[in-house]
C-alpha atoms as a PDB file:
ATOM      1  CA  MET A   1      58.565 103.502 121.004  1.00  0.00           C
ATOM      2  CA  SER A   2      58.871 105.053 117.076  1.00  0.00           C
ATOM      3  CA  CYS A   3      61.761 103.497 114.866  1.00  0.00           C
ATOM      4  CA  THR A   4      63.734 107.062 115.144  1.00  0.00           C
ATOM      5  CA  TYR A   5      63.471 107.268 119.052  1.00  0.00           C
ATOM      6  CA  ARG A   6      65.226 103.649 119.214  1.00  0.00           C
ATOM      7  CA  THR A   7      67.619 104.677 116.323  1.00  0.00           C
ATOM      8  CA  LEU A   8      68.639 108.084 118.298  1.00  0.00           C
ATOM      9  CA  VAL A   9      69.346 105.929 121.535  1.00  0.00           C
ATOM     10  CA  LEU A  10      71.015 103.226 119.635  1.00  0.00           C
ATOM     11  CA  SER A  11      73.036 105.050 117.680  1.00  0.00           C
ATOM     12  CA  SER A  12      73.786 107.650 120.752  1.00  0.00           C
ATOM     13  CA  ALA A  13      75.012 104.518 123.190  1.00  0.00           C
ATOM     14  CA  LEU A  14      77.213 103.457 120.556  1.00  0.00           C
ATOM     15  CA  ALA A  15      78.763 106.915 119.814  1.00  0.00           C
ATOM     16  CA  SER A  16      79.355 106.904 124.413  1.00  0.00           C
ATOM     17  CA  LEU A  17      80.775 103.128 123.792  1.00  0.00           C
ATOM     18  CA  LEU A  18      83.348 104.436 120.966  1.00  0.00           C
ATOM     19  CA  LEU A  19      84.028 107.747 123.005  1.00  0.00           C
ATOM     20  CA  LEU A  20      84.758 105.410 125.722  1.00  0.00           C
ATOM     21  CA  THR A  21      87.065 102.922 124.026  1.00  0.00           C
ATOM     22  CA  ALA A  22      89.200 105.635 122.261  1.00  0.00           C
ATOM     23  CA  CYS A  23      89.883 107.332 125.518  1.00  0.00           C
ATOM     24  CA  SER A  24      90.904 104.674 127.016  1.00  0.00           C
ATOM     25  CA  GLY A  25      93.820 103.784 125.219  1.00  0.00           C
ATOM     26  CA  SER A  26      95.724 100.889 125.016  1.00  0.00           C
ATOM     27  CA  SER A  27      96.178  98.051 127.532  1.00  0.00           C
ATOM     28  CA  SER A  28      99.374  97.390 126.541  1.00  0.00           C
ATOM     29  CA  PRO A  29     102.343  99.304 124.530  1.00  0.00           C
ATOM     30  CA  SER A  30     102.170  98.405 121.251  1.00  0.00           C
ATOM     31  CA  THR A  31     105.229  97.542 119.611  1.00  0.00           C
ATOM     32  CA  SER A  32     105.611 100.674 117.863  1.00  0.00           C
ATOM     33  CA  GLU A  33     105.830 102.132 121.033  1.00  0.00           C
ATOM     34  CA  ALA A  34     108.331  99.717 122.543  1.00  0.00           C
ATOM     35  CA  LYS A  35     110.503 100.467 119.314  1.00  0.00           C
ATOM     36  CA  GLN A  36     110.016 104.068 120.017  1.00  0.00           C
ATOM     37  CA  ALA A  37     111.374 103.629 123.620  1.00  0.00           C
ATOM     38  CA  ILE A  38     114.297 101.898 122.688  1.00  0.00           C
ATOM     39  CA  GLN A  39     115.423 104.421 119.529  1.00  0.00           C
ATOM     40  CA  LYS A  40     114.745 107.280 122.322  1.00  0.00           C
ATOM     41  CA  SER A  41     117.584 105.306 125.011  1.00  0.00           C
ATOM     42  CA  LEU A  42     120.215 105.441 122.555  1.00  0.00           C
ATOM     43  CA  GLY A  43     120.273 109.533 123.102  1.00  0.00           C
ATOM     44  CA  ASP A  44     119.188 110.291 119.362  1.00  0.00           C
ATOM     45  CA  CYS A  45     122.269 109.154 117.826  1.00  0.00           C
ATOM     46  CA  SER A  46     121.466 109.660 114.077  1.00  0.00           C
ATOM     47  CA  ILE A  47     123.981 106.951 112.802  1.00  0.00           C
ATOM     48  CA  VAL A  48     122.341 103.631 115.083  1.00  0.00           C
ATOM     49  CA  THR A  49     118.730 102.172 113.564  1.00  0.00           C
ATOM     50  CA  VAL A  50     116.995  99.571 115.166  1.00  0.00           C
ATOM     51  CA  SER A  51     115.967  97.047 113.466  1.00  0.00           C
ATOM     52  CA  ASN A  52     113.994  93.775 113.385  1.00  0.00           C
ATOM     53  CA  PHE A  53     112.029  94.776 116.213  1.00  0.00           C
ATOM     54  CA  ASP A  54     110.045  91.691 117.884  1.00  0.00           C
ATOM     55  CA  LYS A  55     108.088  92.567 121.024  1.00  0.00           C
ATOM     56  CA  VAL A  56     108.233  88.734 122.288  1.00  0.00           C
ATOM     57  CA  ASN A  57     106.111  88.360 125.642  1.00  0.00           C
ATOM     58  CA  GLY A  58     104.718  91.252 128.115  1.00  0.00           C
ATOM     59  CA  ILE A  59     103.160  91.382 131.520  1.00  0.00           C
ATOM     60  CA  ALA A  60     101.080  94.826 133.217  1.00  0.00           C
ATOM     61  CA  ASP A  61     102.807  95.408 136.380  1.00  0.00           C
ATOM     62  CA  GLY A  62      99.314  97.542 137.548  1.00  0.00           C
ATOM     63  CA  ASP A  63      96.923  99.514 135.879  1.00  0.00           C
ATOM     64  CA  ASN A  64      99.792 101.712 133.801  1.00  0.00           C
ATOM     65  CA  ARG A  65     103.042  99.448 133.904  1.00  0.00           C
ATOM     66  CA  TYR A  66     104.267  97.209 131.457  1.00  0.00           C
ATOM     67  CA  THR A  67     107.353  95.326 131.739  1.00  0.00           C
ATOM     68  CA  LEU A  68     108.589  93.705 128.116  1.00  0.00           C
ATOM     69  CA  GLN A  69     110.123  91.269 126.764  1.00  0.00           C
ATOM     70  CA  VAL A  70     112.240  92.108 122.773  1.00  0.00           C
ATOM     71  CA  LYS A  71     114.427  91.124 120.723  1.00  0.00           C
ATOM     72  CA  TYR A  72     116.413  93.742 118.193  1.00  0.00           C
ATOM     73  CA  ALA A  73     119.406  94.753 116.725  1.00  0.00           C
ATOM     74  CA  LEU A  74     121.126  98.158 116.209  1.00  0.00           C
ATOM     75  CA  GLU A  75     122.490  99.159 113.344  1.00  0.00           C
ATOM     76  CA  PHE A  76     125.844 101.213 113.585  1.00  0.00           C
ATOM     77  CA  ALA A  77     126.649 103.193 110.288  1.00  0.00           C
ATOM     78  CA  PRO A  78     130.196 103.605 109.856  1.00  0.00           C
ATOM     79  CA  LEU A  79     132.311 106.331 110.909  1.00  0.00           C
ATOM     80  CA  PRO A  80     134.323 108.099 107.906  1.00  0.00           C
ATOM     81  CA  GLU A  81     136.945 109.191 110.810  1.00  0.00           C
ATOM     82  CA  ASN A  82     137.081 105.218 111.619  1.00  0.00           C
ATOM     83  CA  ALA A  83     137.378 103.885 108.146  1.00  0.00           C
ATOM     84  CA  LYS A  84     140.604 106.625 107.735  1.00  0.00           C
ATOM     85  CA  LEU A  85     142.109 104.889 111.127  1.00  0.00           C
ATOM     86  CA  LEU A  86     141.276 101.350 110.058  1.00  0.00           C
ATOM     87  CA  ASP A  87     143.005 102.336 106.522  1.00  0.00           C
ATOM     88  CA  GLU A  88     145.803 104.338 108.736  1.00  0.00           C
ATOM     89  CA  MET A  89     146.330 101.191 111.105  1.00  0.00           C
ATOM     90  CA  ASN A  90     146.567  97.997 107.950  1.00  0.00           C
ATOM     91  CA  ALA A  91     148.933 100.398 106.035  1.00  0.00           C
ATOM     92  CA  ARG A  92     150.963 101.059 109.085  1.00  0.00           C
ATOM     93  CA  LEU A  93     150.649  97.171 110.020  1.00  0.00           C
ATOM     94  CA  ALA A  94     151.840  95.457 106.460  1.00  0.00           C
ATOM     95  CA  SER A  95     154.952  98.187 106.590  1.00  0.00           C
ATOM     96  CA  GLN A  96     156.224  97.408 110.162  1.00  0.00           C
ATOM     97  CA  THR A  97     157.226  93.853 109.711  1.00  0.00           C
ATOM     98  CA  ASP A  98     160.156  94.400 112.526  1.00  0.00           C
ATOM     99  CA  TRP A  99     157.054  94.664 115.390  1.00  0.00           C
ATOM    100  CA  MET A 100     156.895  92.262 118.296  1.00  0.00           C
ATOM    101  CA  PRO A 101     153.795  90.719 118.505  1.00  0.00           C
ATOM    102  CA  TRP A 102     153.000  92.514 121.817  1.00  0.00           C
ATOM    103  CA  GLN A 103     153.865  95.770 119.548  1.00  0.00           C
ATOM    104  CA  ARG A 104     151.380  95.087 117.199  1.00  0.00           C
ATOM    105  CA  ASP A 105     148.920  93.826 119.937  1.00  0.00           C
ATOM    106  CA  ASP A 106     149.510  97.140 121.826  1.00  0.00           C
ATOM    107  CA  TYR A 107     148.914  99.774 118.012  1.00  0.00           C
ATOM    108  CA  VAL A 108     145.826  97.645 117.483  1.00  0.00           C
ATOM    109  CA  ILE A 109     144.458  98.460 121.133  1.00  0.00           C
ATOM    110  CA  LYS A 110     145.472 102.272 120.506  1.00  0.00           C
ATOM    111  CA  VAL A 111     143.606 102.324 117.083  1.00  0.00           C
ATOM    112  CA  ARG A 112     140.347 100.281 119.095  1.00  0.00           C
ATOM    113  CA  ALA A 113     140.397 103.172 121.383  1.00  0.00           C
ATOM    114  CA  ALA A 114     140.510 106.205 119.098  1.00  0.00           C
ATOM    115  CA  ILE A 115     137.645 104.385 117.104  1.00  0.00           C
ATOM    116  CA  MET A 116     136.058 104.413 120.646  1.00  0.00           C
ATOM    117  CA  ALA A 117     136.597 108.077 121.116  1.00  0.00           C
ATOM    118  CA  ASN A 118     134.823 108.509 117.356  1.00  0.00           C
ATOM    119  CA  LEU A 119     132.201 106.451 118.439  1.00  0.00           C
ATOM    120  CA  HIS A 120     131.644 108.291 121.689  1.00  0.00           C
ATOM    121  CA  ARG A 121     131.938 112.254 120.025  1.00  0.00           C
ATOM    122  CA  THR A 122     129.054 111.320 117.553  1.00  0.00           C
ATOM    123  CA  CYS A 123     126.886 109.523 120.190  1.00  0.00           C
ATOM    124  CA  PRO A 124     127.251 110.863 123.783  1.00  0.00           C
ATOM    125  CA  ASN A 125     123.818 109.539 125.197  1.00  0.00           C
ATOM    126  CA  MET A 126     124.126 106.087 124.455  1.00  0.00           C
ATOM    127  CA  PRO A 127     123.801 103.342 127.507  1.00  0.00           C
ATOM    128  CA  ARG A 128     126.991 102.255 128.417  1.00  0.00           C
ATOM    129  CA  ASN A 129     126.084  99.177 127.968  1.00  0.00           C
ATOM    130  CA  VAL A 130     125.448  99.641 124.461  1.00  0.00           C
ATOM    131  CA  TYR A 131     129.563 101.446 123.567  1.00  0.00           C
ATOM    132  CA  GLY A 132     130.763  97.895 125.332  1.00  0.00           C
ATOM    133  CA  ASP A 133     129.022  95.717 122.652  1.00  0.00           C
ATOM    134  CA  TYR A 134     129.895  97.913 120.012  1.00  0.00           C
ATOM    135  CA  ALA A 135     133.750  97.896 121.452  1.00  0.00           C
ATOM    136  CA  GLN A 136     133.508  93.865 121.064  1.00  0.00           C
ATOM    137  CA  ALA A 137     132.998  93.986 117.234  1.00  0.00           C
ATOM    138  CA  ASN A 138     136.184  92.790 114.890  1.00  0.00           C
ATOM    139  CA  ILE A 139     138.162  95.712 114.475  1.00  0.00           C
ATOM    140  CA  ALA A 140     138.077  95.471 110.758  1.00  0.00           C
ATOM    141  CA  SER A 141     134.299  95.364 110.816  1.00  0.00           C
ATOM    142  CA  TYR A 142     134.550  99.295 111.915  1.00  0.00           C
ATOM    143  CA  ALA A 143     134.753 100.664 108.227  1.00  0.00           C
ATOM    144  CA  SER A 144     131.284  99.371 107.507  1.00  0.00           C
ATOM    145  CA  THR A 145     127.805  98.640 109.293  1.00  0.00           C
ATOM    146  CA  ILE A 146     128.228  96.624 112.554  1.00  0.00           C
ATOM    147  CA  HIS A 147     125.242  94.834 113.211  1.00  0.00           C
ATOM    148  CA  ILE A 148     124.709  94.108 117.299  1.00  0.00           C
ATOM    149  CA  ASP A 149     121.678  91.244 118.064  1.00  0.00           C
ATOM    150  CA  TYR A 150     119.770  91.959 121.561  1.00  0.00           C
ATOM    151  CA  THR A 151     116.996  90.511 123.619  1.00  0.00           C
ATOM    152  CA  TYR A 152     116.126  92.873 126.771  1.00  0.00           C
ATOM    153  CA  ASN A 153     114.188  90.947 129.345  1.00  0.00           C
ATOM    154  CA  ASN A 154     112.814  93.392 131.321  1.00  0.00           C
ATOM    155  CA  MET A 155     111.793  96.801 129.124  1.00  0.00           C
ATOM    156  CA  ARG A 156     109.595  98.705 131.727  1.00  0.00           C
ATOM    157  CA  MET A 157     107.292 101.317 130.496  1.00  0.00           C
ATOM    158  CA  VAL A 158     104.773 103.564 131.688  1.00  0.00           C
ATOM    159  CA  LYS A 159     101.320 104.421 130.715  1.00  0.00           C
ATOM    160  CA  SER A 160     101.205 108.710 130.345  1.00  0.00           C
ATOM    161  CA  ASP A 161      98.788 111.106 128.980  1.00  0.00           C
ATOM    162  CA  ASN A 162     100.363 110.654 125.462  1.00  0.00           C
ATOM    163  CA  GLY A 163     100.900 106.791 125.820  1.00  0.00           C
ATOM    164  CA  TRP A 164     103.925 104.402 126.448  1.00  0.00           C
ATOM    165  CA  ILE A 165     106.742 105.632 127.134  1.00  0.00           C
ATOM    166  CA  GLY A 166     109.721 103.780 128.727  1.00  0.00           C
ATOM    167  CA  LEU A 167     111.647 104.133 132.098  1.00  0.00           C
END
């Protein structure tokens, strides 16, 4: 066999191997694909970003399915209308010195409900548990960025023609 023929056969074999490897895709979701699935599950809310994302563990559920454990944080940018509500609330609480404790609490509950309504209006497609976690934040923190940590132990993903996507 000539050297040229062997080189041609070897080059063809390597090219075929590379082509098959490129077509097969990854056997598990990448960190960026998992993070993108989390971001998409938030309903494309512009005031929320995913930070500190870490793919902790994963297990295949067959050829085209994968279950992940991930840790991440959601960062909520402040809503201007919520900062205004808090300013009004603080001014009213300072001026109302004759309120009974239950009246104060009732007023704060109403302000918190208005804050949640503003979030729901801004981000109507987020999962309910995220609204609930946001609602638990200290009321004074709604005027600044709110940071909420999450661990998701059962994040399911499926392999599609366009890569891994969240279920």
